[in-house]
Amino acid sequence: MPREFTRSTRVAEQLRRELGELLRSAVKDPRAQGATLTDVEVSKDISHARVYFSQLDDTPEQVKETEAALNRAAGYLRRELGQVMRMRHVPELKFVHDRSVAEGMRMDALIDAARRRDREQGDGEAD
């Protein structure tokens, strides 16, 4: 019977949980404080992990600063993960901004604007 989840999927989920806790408690850089982890993708050999984050202040300058701060703290986070997780090798961490949250909010705004415009046009045609 095949396994329901692969090892890389289980490791990715555990990394997401542990990294989220470490970002809240151990990372003191204020530029990294507003980041929320959305997903972690781990390579099949578990040597690399791409960690996706989002934040409320989504300006390009702020995103670059946060990404740089997180990537600068990657070595420290990796060492801390090695102490918390029971793994021989902790994957190298690469933090990447997740644009899906901002894109979703933009799409919601476009849909709301289109509905509002349709209602206004519908009210004008009924007269």
C-alpha atoms as a PDB file:
ATOM      1  CA  MET A   1       0.000   0.000   0.000  1.00  0.00           C
ATOM      2  CA  PRO A   2       1.564   3.345  -1.046  1.00  0.00           C
ATOM      3  CA  ARG A   3       2.192   6.057   1.501  1.00  0.00           C
ATOM      4  CA  GLU A   4      -0.271   8.879   1.576  1.00  0.00           C
ATOM      5  CA  PHE A   5       2.391  11.586   1.985  1.00  0.00           C
ATOM      6  CA  THR A   6       5.962  11.602   0.784  1.00  0.00           C
ATOM      7  CA  ARG A   7       8.850  12.251   3.137  1.00  0.00           C
ATOM      8  CA  SER A   8       9.572  15.603   1.521  1.00  0.00           C
ATOM      9  CA  THR A   9       5.946  16.672   2.108  1.00  0.00           C
ATOM     10  CA  ARG A  10       6.132  15.709   5.784  1.00  0.00           C
ATOM     11  CA  VAL A  11       9.468  17.495   6.198  1.00  0.00           C
ATOM     12  CA  ALA A  12       8.101  20.604   4.455  1.00  0.00           C
ATOM     13  CA  GLU A  13       5.128  20.769   6.814  1.00  0.00           C
ATOM     14  CA  GLN A  14       7.297  20.323   9.886  1.00  0.00           C
ATOM     15  CA  LEU A  15       9.716  22.977   8.601  1.00  0.00           C
ATOM     16  CA  ARG A  16       6.829  25.414   8.105  1.00  0.00           C
ATOM     17  CA  ARG A  17       5.607  24.886  11.673  1.00  0.00           C
ATOM     18  CA  GLU A  18       9.046  25.121  13.279  1.00  0.00           C
ATOM     19  CA  LEU A  19      10.150  28.098  11.182  1.00  0.00           C
ATOM     20  CA  GLY A  20       6.955  29.966  12.030  1.00  0.00           C
ATOM     21  CA  GLU A  21       7.637  29.484  15.715  1.00  0.00           C
ATOM     22  CA  LEU A  22      11.291  30.497  15.329  1.00  0.00           C
ATOM     23  CA  LEU A  23      10.343  33.654  13.427  1.00  0.00           C
ATOM     24  CA  ARG A  24       8.009  34.642  16.243  1.00  0.00           C
ATOM     25  CA  SER A  25      10.337  33.846  19.110  1.00  0.00           C
ATOM     26  CA  ALA A  26      13.983  33.844  18.013  1.00  0.00           C
ATOM     27  CA  VAL A  27      14.457  36.296  15.124  1.00  0.00           C
ATOM     28  CA  LYS A  28      14.911  39.813  16.462  1.00  0.00           C
ATOM     29  CA  ASP A  29      15.313  41.666  13.155  1.00  0.00           C
ATOM     30  CA  PRO A  30      12.312  44.053  12.913  1.00  0.00           C
ATOM     31  CA  ARG A  31      12.268  43.741   9.107  1.00  0.00           C
ATOM     32  CA  ALA A  32      11.460  40.029   9.425  1.00  0.00           C
ATOM     33  CA  GLN A  33       8.770  40.453  12.090  1.00  0.00           C
ATOM     34  CA  GLY A  34       5.911  41.165   9.662  1.00  0.00           C
ATOM     35  CA  ALA A  35       6.481  38.036   7.569  1.00  0.00           C
ATOM     36  CA  THR A  36       3.995  35.169   7.570  1.00  0.00           C
ATOM     37  CA  LEU A  37       5.049  31.813   6.167  1.00  0.00           C
ATOM     38  CA  THR A  38       2.622  30.531   3.574  1.00  0.00           C
ATOM     39  CA  ASP A  39       4.325  27.430   2.176  1.00  0.00           C
ATOM     40  CA  VAL A  40       7.528  25.405   2.148  1.00  0.00           C
ATOM     41  CA  GLU A  41       8.702  23.335  -0.814  1.00  0.00           C
ATOM     42  CA  VAL A  42      11.441  20.793  -0.176  1.00  0.00           C
ATOM     43  CA  SER A  43      13.484  19.110  -2.892  1.00  0.00           C
ATOM     44  CA  LYS A  44      13.163  15.334  -3.206  1.00  0.00           C
ATOM     45  CA  ASP A  45      16.598  14.776  -1.670  1.00  0.00           C
ATOM     46  CA  ILE A  46      15.714  17.207   1.160  1.00  0.00           C
ATOM     47  CA  SER A  47      18.842  19.279   0.599  1.00  0.00           C
ATOM     48  CA  HIS A  48      17.076  22.535  -0.311  1.00  0.00           C
ATOM     49  CA  ALA A  49      13.909  24.197   0.913  1.00  0.00           C
ATOM     50  CA  ARG A  50      12.159  27.158  -0.653  1.00  0.00           C
ATOM     51  CA  VAL A  51      10.212  29.018   2.038  1.00  0.00           C
ATOM     52  CA  TYR A  52       7.421  31.303   0.812  1.00  0.00           C
ATOM     53  CA  PHE A  53       6.332  34.277   2.911  1.00  0.00           C
ATOM     54  CA  SER A  54       3.793  37.069   2.648  1.00  0.00           C
ATOM     55  CA  GLN A  55       3.344  40.298   4.560  1.00  0.00           C
ATOM     56  CA  LEU A  56       0.760  43.013   5.037  1.00  0.00           C
ATOM     57  CA  ASP A  57       2.976  45.851   3.795  1.00  0.00           C
ATOM     58  CA  ASP A  58       3.440  44.625   0.233  1.00  0.00           C
ATOM     59  CA  THR A  59       5.444  47.525  -1.204  1.00  0.00           C
ATOM     60  CA  PRO A  60       8.381  46.389  -3.361  1.00  0.00           C
ATOM     61  CA  GLU A  61      10.930  48.095  -1.077  1.00  0.00           C
ATOM     62  CA  GLN A  62       9.506  46.450   2.039  1.00  0.00           C
ATOM     63  CA  VAL A  63       9.365  43.042   0.337  1.00  0.00           C
ATOM     64  CA  LYS A  64      13.030  43.311  -0.683  1.00  0.00           C
ATOM     65  CA  GLU A  65      14.068  44.315   2.845  1.00  0.00           C
ATOM     66  CA  THR A  66      12.114  41.485   4.431  1.00  0.00           C
ATOM     67  CA  GLU A  67      13.406  38.927   1.946  1.00  0.00           C
ATOM     68  CA  ALA A  68      16.989  40.091   2.524  1.00  0.00           C
ATOM     69  CA  ALA A  69      16.542  39.952   6.319  1.00  0.00           C
ATOM     70  CA  LEU A  70      15.070  36.444   6.181  1.00  0.00           C
ATOM     71  CA  ASN A  71      17.777  35.153   3.848  1.00  0.00           C
ATOM     72  CA  ARG A  72      20.422  36.736   6.073  1.00  0.00           C
ATOM     73  CA  ALA A  73      18.939  34.864   9.063  1.00  0.00           C
ATOM     74  CA  ALA A  74      18.725  31.567   7.120  1.00  0.00           C
ATOM     75  CA  GLY A  75      21.955  30.160   8.561  1.00  0.00           C
ATOM     76  CA  TYR A  76      20.861  30.918  12.113  1.00  0.00           C
ATOM     77  CA  LEU A  77      17.400  29.453  11.460  1.00  0.00           C
ATOM     78  CA  ARG A  78      18.928  26.346   9.922  1.00  0.00           C
ATOM     79  CA  ARG A  79      21.116  25.817  12.991  1.00  0.00           C
ATOM     80  CA  GLU A  80      18.120  26.273  15.295  1.00  0.00           C
ATOM     81  CA  LEU A  81      16.075  23.831  13.192  1.00  0.00           C
ATOM     82  CA  GLY A  82      18.887  21.299  13.520  1.00  0.00           C
ATOM     83  CA  GLN A  83      18.504  21.426  17.294  1.00  0.00           C
ATOM     84  CA  VAL A  84      14.698  21.154  17.233  1.00  0.00           C
ATOM     85  CA  MET A  85      14.104  18.638  14.430  1.00  0.00           C
ATOM     86  CA  ARG A  86      15.386  15.085  14.448  1.00  0.00           C
ATOM     87  CA  MET A  87      17.129  15.056  11.091  1.00  0.00           C
ATOM     88  CA  ARG A  88      20.685  14.326  10.035  1.00  0.00           C
ATOM     89  CA  HIS A  89      20.741  17.141   7.510  1.00  0.00           C
ATOM     90  CA  VAL A  90      18.592  20.242   7.653  1.00  0.00           C
ATOM     91  CA  PRO A  91      17.916  21.645   4.170  1.00  0.00           C
ATOM     92  CA  GLU A  92      19.402  24.934   3.013  1.00  0.00           C
ATOM     93  CA  LEU A  93      16.751  27.644   3.315  1.00  0.00           C
ATOM     94  CA  LYS A  94      15.864  30.146   0.594  1.00  0.00           C
ATOM     95  CA  PHE A  95      13.124  32.674   1.374  1.00  0.00           C
ATOM     96  CA  VAL A  96      10.919  33.859  -1.492  1.00  0.00           C
ATOM     97  CA  HIS A  97       8.043  36.351  -1.445  1.00  0.00           C
ATOM     98  CA  ASP A  98       4.663  34.722  -2.116  1.00  0.00           C
ATOM     99  CA  ARG A  99       2.711  36.988  -4.440  1.00  0.00           C
ATOM    100  CA  SER A 100      -0.445  34.858  -4.401  1.00  0.00           C
ATOM    101  CA  VAL A 101      -1.960  36.654  -1.384  1.00  0.00           C
ATOM    102  CA  ALA A 102      -1.512  40.106  -2.930  1.00  0.00           C
ATOM    103  CA  GLU A 103      -2.697  38.818  -6.298  1.00  0.00           C
ATOM    104  CA  GLY A 104      -5.799  37.309  -4.673  1.00  0.00           C
ATOM    105  CA  MET A 105      -6.613  40.606  -2.981  1.00  0.00           C
ATOM    106  CA  ARG A 106      -6.176  42.425  -6.295  1.00  0.00           C
ATOM    107  CA  MET A 107      -8.513  39.963  -8.038  1.00  0.00           C
ATOM    108  CA  ASP A 108     -11.121  40.384  -5.275  1.00  0.00           C
ATOM    109  CA  ALA A 109     -10.992  44.156  -5.724  1.00  0.00           C
ATOM    110  CA  LEU A 110     -11.447  43.803  -9.509  1.00  0.00           C
ATOM    111  CA  ILE A 111     -14.419  41.469  -9.049  1.00  0.00           C
ATOM    112  CA  ASP A 112     -16.024  43.830  -6.525  1.00  0.00           C
ATOM    113  CA  ALA A 113     -15.536  46.780  -8.884  1.00  0.00           C
ATOM    114  CA  ALA A 114     -17.088  44.826 -11.791  1.00  0.00           C
ATOM    115  CA  ARG A 115     -20.103  43.815  -9.672  1.00  0.00           C
ATOM    116  CA  ARG A 116     -20.582  47.398  -8.497  1.00  0.00           C
ATOM    117  CA  ARG A 117     -20.372  48.637 -12.095  1.00  0.00           C
ATOM    118  CA  ASP A 118     -22.902  45.986 -13.235  1.00  0.00           C
ATOM    119  CA  ARG A 119     -25.330  46.987 -10.467  1.00  0.00           C
ATOM    120  CA  GLU A 120     -25.009  50.659 -11.383  1.00  0.00           C
ATOM    121  CA  GLN A 121     -25.577  49.913 -15.090  1.00  0.00           C
ATOM    122  CA  GLY A 122     -28.512  47.646 -14.250  1.00  0.00           C
ATOM    123  CA  ASP A 123     -30.175  50.374 -12.165  1.00  0.00           C
ATOM    124  CA  GLY A 124     -29.721  52.908 -14.986  1.00  0.00           C
ATOM    125  CA  GLU A 125     -31.288  50.598 -17.632  1.00  0.00           C
ATOM    126  CA  ALA A 126     -34.425  49.920 -15.558  1.00  0.00           C
ATOM    127  CA  ASP A 127     -35.565  53.555 -15.856  1.00  0.00           C
END
